[in-house]
Protein backbone atom coordinates (compact mmCIF):
# COMPACT_ATOMS: atom_id res chain seq x y z
CA LEU A 1 199.11 90.60 -13.06
CA THR A 2 197.52 93.88 -11.86
CA VAL A 3 198.06 97.08 -13.73
CA GLY A 4 197.02 100.49 -12.53
CA ARG A 5 194.69 102.57 -14.69
CA GLY A 6 194.18 106.34 -15.04
CA GLY A 7 196.11 107.32 -11.98
CA ASN A 8 193.73 105.56 -9.58
CA LEU A 9 193.19 102.19 -8.05
CA SER A 10 190.84 100.81 -10.70
CA LYS A 11 192.56 97.72 -12.00
CA PHE A 12 192.92 95.46 -14.99
CA ARG A 13 193.07 91.86 -13.77
CA LEU A 14 194.55 89.75 -16.56
CA HIS A 15 193.32 86.22 -16.89
CA THR A 16 194.15 83.65 -19.54
CA LYS A 17 192.84 85.37 -22.64
CA GLU A 18 190.88 88.40 -21.40
CA ALA A 19 191.24 91.48 -19.35
CA ILE A 20 188.63 92.33 -16.83
CA MET A 21 188.48 96.01 -15.74
CA GLN A 22 187.21 96.48 -12.24
CA LYS A 23 185.24 99.61 -11.57
CA LEU A 24 184.27 101.60 -8.48
CA ARG A 25 180.58 102.35 -8.74
CA VAL A 26 177.98 104.25 -6.85
CA GLU A 27 174.47 102.79 -7.49
CA SER A 28 171.02 103.89 -6.45
CA PHE A 29 172.21 106.62 -4.15
CA THR A 30 169.18 108.89 -3.66
CA ILE A 31 169.37 112.63 -3.14
CA SER A 32 166.79 115.43 -2.78
CA ILE A 33 166.54 118.15 -5.37
CA ASP A 34 168.70 120.37 -3.11
CA GLY A 35 171.38 117.57 -3.01
CA PHE A 36 170.86 115.92 0.45
CA GLY A 37 171.36 112.23 0.69
CA ALA A 38 170.21 112.18 4.36
CA GLY A 39 168.32 114.48 6.55
CA ARG A 40 169.45 116.12 9.81
CA ASN A 41 169.52 114.46 13.20
CA GLN A 42 170.26 110.88 12.04
CA SER A 43 169.75 108.39 14.95
CA LEU A 44 168.83 104.83 15.81
CA GLU A 45 165.10 105.87 15.76
CA ASN A 46 165.48 107.85 12.58
CA PRO A 47 168.32 106.43 10.60
CA LEU A 48 167.70 108.44 7.46
CA GLY A 49 167.33 111.79 9.28
CA VAL A 50 164.46 114.15 9.48
CA GLY A 51 162.22 114.00 6.38
CA ALA A 52 164.49 111.69 4.36
CA GLU A 53 162.22 108.66 4.41
CA ASP A 54 160.50 110.17 1.34
CA LEU A 55 163.65 110.10 -0.67
CA HIS A 56 163.33 106.39 -1.45
CA LYS A 57 159.72 106.13 -2.68
CA TRP A 58 161.08 105.14 -6.07
CA PHE A 59 163.18 102.22 -4.59
CA LEU A 60 161.13 100.76 -1.73
CA PRO A 61 158.27 99.35 -3.78
CA THR A 62 160.55 97.69 -6.39
CA LYS A 63 160.92 93.96 -6.85
CA THR A 64 164.62 94.45 -6.34
CA PHE A 65 164.25 95.95 -2.82
CA GLN A 66 161.50 93.73 -1.73
CA GLN A 67 163.37 90.54 -2.79
CA LYS A 68 167.02 91.47 -1.94
CA VAL A 69 166.39 93.52 1.19
CA LEU A 70 163.11 92.22 2.70
CA GLY A 71 163.26 88.70 1.28
CA LYS A 72 159.72 88.92 -0.24
CA SER A 73 158.60 87.59 -3.49
CA ASP A 74 156.58 90.49 -4.82
CA GLY A 75 157.38 94.03 -5.80
CA THR A 76 156.99 96.50 -8.66
CA THR A 77 158.70 96.09 -12.09
CA GLY A 78 159.38 98.73 -14.65
CA VAL A 79 162.15 101.28 -15.16
CA ASP A 80 162.79 101.95 -11.44
CA ASN A 81 163.21 98.33 -10.77
CA GLU A 82 165.47 97.75 -13.82
CA ILE A 83 167.81 100.46 -12.68
CA ALA A 84 167.88 99.17 -9.11
CA GLU A 85 168.49 95.70 -10.24
CA LYS A 86 171.47 96.76 -12.47
CA GLY A 87 173.04 98.18 -9.30
CA PHE A 88 173.54 94.76 -7.87
CA LYS A 89 175.01 93.15 -11.03
CA ASN A 90 178.71 92.34 -11.20
CA ILE A 91 179.35 93.56 -7.58
CA GLY A 92 182.03 91.63 -5.79
CA ALA A 93 182.52 93.86 -2.71
CA TRP A 94 181.02 96.99 -1.04
CA ILE A 95 182.47 99.90 0.79
CA LEU A 96 180.34 101.78 3.46
CA GLY A 97 180.81 104.62 5.82
CA ARG A 98 180.51 104.12 9.51
CA ASN A 99 177.09 105.76 9.67
CA MET A 100 175.82 103.33 7.05
CA PHE A 101 176.71 100.44 9.40
CA SER A 102 175.89 101.76 12.77
CA PRO A 103 174.01 104.64 14.48
CA TYR A 104 176.56 104.75 17.23
CA ARG A 105 179.35 107.35 17.53
CA GLY A 106 182.72 106.94 19.09
CA LEU A 107 183.82 103.57 20.33
CA PRO A 108 181.79 100.84 18.64
CA ASN A 109 178.91 98.97 20.22
CA LEU A 110 180.25 95.40 19.81
CA ASN A 111 176.74 94.01 20.15
CA TRP A 112 175.73 95.87 16.98
CA ARG A 113 175.80 93.77 13.86
CA GLY A 114 174.22 96.16 11.27
CA TRP A 115 170.83 97.35 10.34
CA TRP A 116 169.79 94.32 8.34
CA GLY A 117 169.49 91.31 10.66
CA ASN A 118 171.37 88.03 10.38
CA ASN A 119 171.31 87.87 6.61
CA PRO A 120 172.24 91.36 5.04
CA PRO A 121 171.52 91.96 1.37
CA TYR A 122 175.18 92.23 0.35
CA HIS A 123 176.33 88.54 0.20
CA VAL A 124 179.92 89.60 -0.52
CA PRO A 125 182.59 91.25 1.60
CA VAL A 126 181.75 94.69 2.98
CA TYR A 127 184.49 97.22 4.09
CA VAL A 128 183.30 99.70 6.66
CA LEU A 129 185.43 102.92 7.01
CA THR A 130 185.81 103.79 10.71
CA ASN A 131 188.20 105.35 13.15
CA HIS A 132 187.87 102.32 15.57
CA ALA A 133 189.19 98.83 14.88
CA ARG A 134 186.96 95.94 15.25
CA ASN A 135 187.18 92.33 14.38
CA PRO A 136 185.39 91.18 11.25
CA ILE A 137 181.78 90.03 11.63
CA LYS A 138 180.75 87.09 9.55
CA MET A 139 177.03 86.99 8.71
CA GLU A 140 174.73 84.58 7.01
CA GLY A 141 174.46 84.56 3.25
CA GLY A 142 178.15 85.32 2.48
CA THR A 143 178.40 88.82 3.97
CA THR A 144 181.32 89.60 6.17
CA PHE A 145 181.85 93.07 7.59
CA HIS A 146 185.49 94.19 7.67
CA PHE A 147 186.44 97.39 9.52
CA VAL A 148 189.07 99.63 7.97
CA THR A 149 190.87 102.30 9.91
CA GLU A 150 193.49 103.26 7.34
CA GLY A 151 191.36 105.32 5.05
CA ILE A 152 189.69 105.21 1.65
CA HIS A 153 192.54 103.95 -0.35
CA ALA A 154 193.20 101.02 1.92
CA ALA A 155 189.50 100.04 1.85
CA LEU A 156 189.47 100.20 -1.95
CA GLU A 157 192.64 98.06 -2.23
CA ARG A 158 191.12 95.46 -0.03
CA ALA A 159 187.75 95.54 -1.72
CA PHE A 160 189.23 95.14 -5.20
CA ASP A 161 191.42 92.29 -3.98
CA SER A 162 188.50 90.42 -2.58
CA ALA A 163 186.00 91.11 -5.41
CA ASN A 164 187.30 88.27 -7.63
CA GLY A 165 187.51 90.56 -10.76
CA LYS A 166 184.12 92.11 -10.18
CA ASP A 167 183.28 95.75 -9.46
CA VAL A 168 183.16 97.41 -6.07
CA ARG A 169 180.10 99.37 -5.05
CA VAL A 170 180.17 102.39 -2.70
CA GLY A 171 177.03 102.36 -0.72
CA GLY A 172 177.53 105.71 1.01
CA GLY A 173 176.97 107.80 2.85
CA ALA A 174 177.44 111.24 1.28
CA SER A 175 180.75 111.92 3.04
CA VAL A 176 182.27 108.66 1.84
CA ILE A 177 181.16 109.26 -1.80
CA ARG A 178 182.56 112.85 -1.68
CA GLN A 179 185.99 111.48 -0.54
CA TYR A 180 186.12 109.06 -3.44
CA LEU A 181 184.97 111.68 -5.88
CA ASN A 182 187.63 114.16 -4.74
CA ALA A 183 190.19 111.42 -5.19
CA LYS A 184 188.87 110.74 -8.72
CA LEU A 185 188.36 107.16 -7.85
CA ILE A 186 184.70 106.64 -8.71
CA ASP A 187 184.29 105.46 -12.36
CA GLU A 188 180.51 105.53 -12.61
CA MET A 189 177.71 106.95 -10.43
CA HIS A 190 174.01 106.44 -10.55
CA LEU A 191 172.06 109.14 -8.59
CA ALA A 192 168.29 109.06 -8.14
CA VAL A 193 166.96 112.56 -7.57
CA SER A 194 163.80 112.54 -5.59
CA PRO A 195 161.36 115.37 -6.10
CA ILE A 196 161.46 116.62 -2.58
CA LEU A 197 163.40 119.37 -0.68
CA LEU A 198 165.19 118.60 2.60
CA GLY A 199 166.89 121.94 3.33
CA SER A 200 169.55 120.42 5.60
CA GLY A 201 171.38 117.27 6.33
CA GLU A 202 174.18 115.42 4.43
CA ASN A 203 174.76 117.24 1.11
CA LEU A 204 176.37 115.05 -1.54
CA PHE A 205 177.78 118.06 -3.49
CA LEU A 206 179.24 120.02 -0.59
CA ASN A 207 182.53 121.56 -1.87
CA ILE A 208 182.43 119.22 -4.92
CA ASP A 209 183.15 120.49 -8.51
CA LEU A 210 182.31 117.52 -10.65
CA LEU A 211 183.32 119.18 -13.77
CA SER A 212 186.84 120.03 -12.67
CA LEU A 213 187.12 116.45 -11.37
CA GLY A 214 186.47 115.11 -14.83
CA TYR A 215 182.91 113.87 -14.42
CA LYS A 216 180.10 114.15 -16.98
CA CYS A 217 176.38 113.33 -16.89
CA THR A 218 175.96 110.80 -19.84
CA GLU A 219 172.36 109.65 -19.27
CA HIS A 220 169.14 110.81 -17.58
CA ILE A 221 165.89 108.94 -17.24
CA HIS A 222 162.74 110.35 -15.68
CA THR A 223 160.14 108.20 -13.94
CA ASP A 224 157.12 109.07 -11.74
CA ASN A 225 159.17 109.00 -8.51
CA ALA A 226 162.70 110.06 -9.50
CA THR A 227 165.02 111.33 -12.18
CA HIS A 228 167.89 108.95 -12.69
CA LEU A 229 171.33 110.36 -13.60
CA ILE A 230 174.28 108.36 -14.84
CA ILE A 231 177.55 110.28 -14.20
CA ARG A 232 180.78 108.82 -15.54
CA LYS A 233 184.41 109.88 -15.35
CA GLU A 234 185.79 110.94 -18.69
CA THR A 235 188.92 109.07 -19.75
C-alpha cells in the first residue's frame, strides 16, 4: 500500500509491521558563496564550467570520493568525509539532469555512456531527465541509466518505485534541483558552500524563495574547506 504525504510524491511504503517513509534528498551539492553550482561555459573539456573545479576541494580528497568514485583505498577522514559518506546511505535511486549525464546538447550521442567509465559510482537505477528518448543503458556494478522525457514528476515516481523503500537522491544540476524545490518535493538538502566566488554560471537560488516554499536551515557545520548547511522542509 502506498499513501501520499504532504501533497507531494514522498511515500509511505507499508510493510508487515513498520512504515518506511521514502525521502527525496539532495546531498553534497556544492555551491560558491554567490550561489553558483557550476561555472559558465560547461563543455566536454571543462565539465564544471570556468573556475568551478575549486568548488569541490572539500570533497575530492575524502575517503568517500576516493573509494566510491575513483576506486582507491585511501582518502581523508574527518567531518567532510562523514558528511559525504552520509549522502550515500539509504539511497535506492538517483535523479540527474541531462547535463549531469552528458556534455552533448540536442539529439543524444548514442556512443556516450556517462562521465564515469564502465562502473559508475551509483550502483542503483539512475533516472536522467531529458527531452530526447533513449533506451536504458545497463552498466557494471548495478547502475542502469533510464532516460525520462515526461518531466520531474514522472522521474520521481519511477525512482521511488525502483528504490525498494529507500530514499531517492537528486544529483543535480542546479536547474533540476530548482524544479524540485519549486514543486516542494525535496524533503532534505545538504549544501556545501565553498569559500570562492564564481560570478556567473548556474545559480542554484535563481528565482527561488526557500522561506515561502517552506524550507528552513536546521544545521550548519563549518570545516576548513566548506560550510555545510542542512535545509529541511517544515511539516
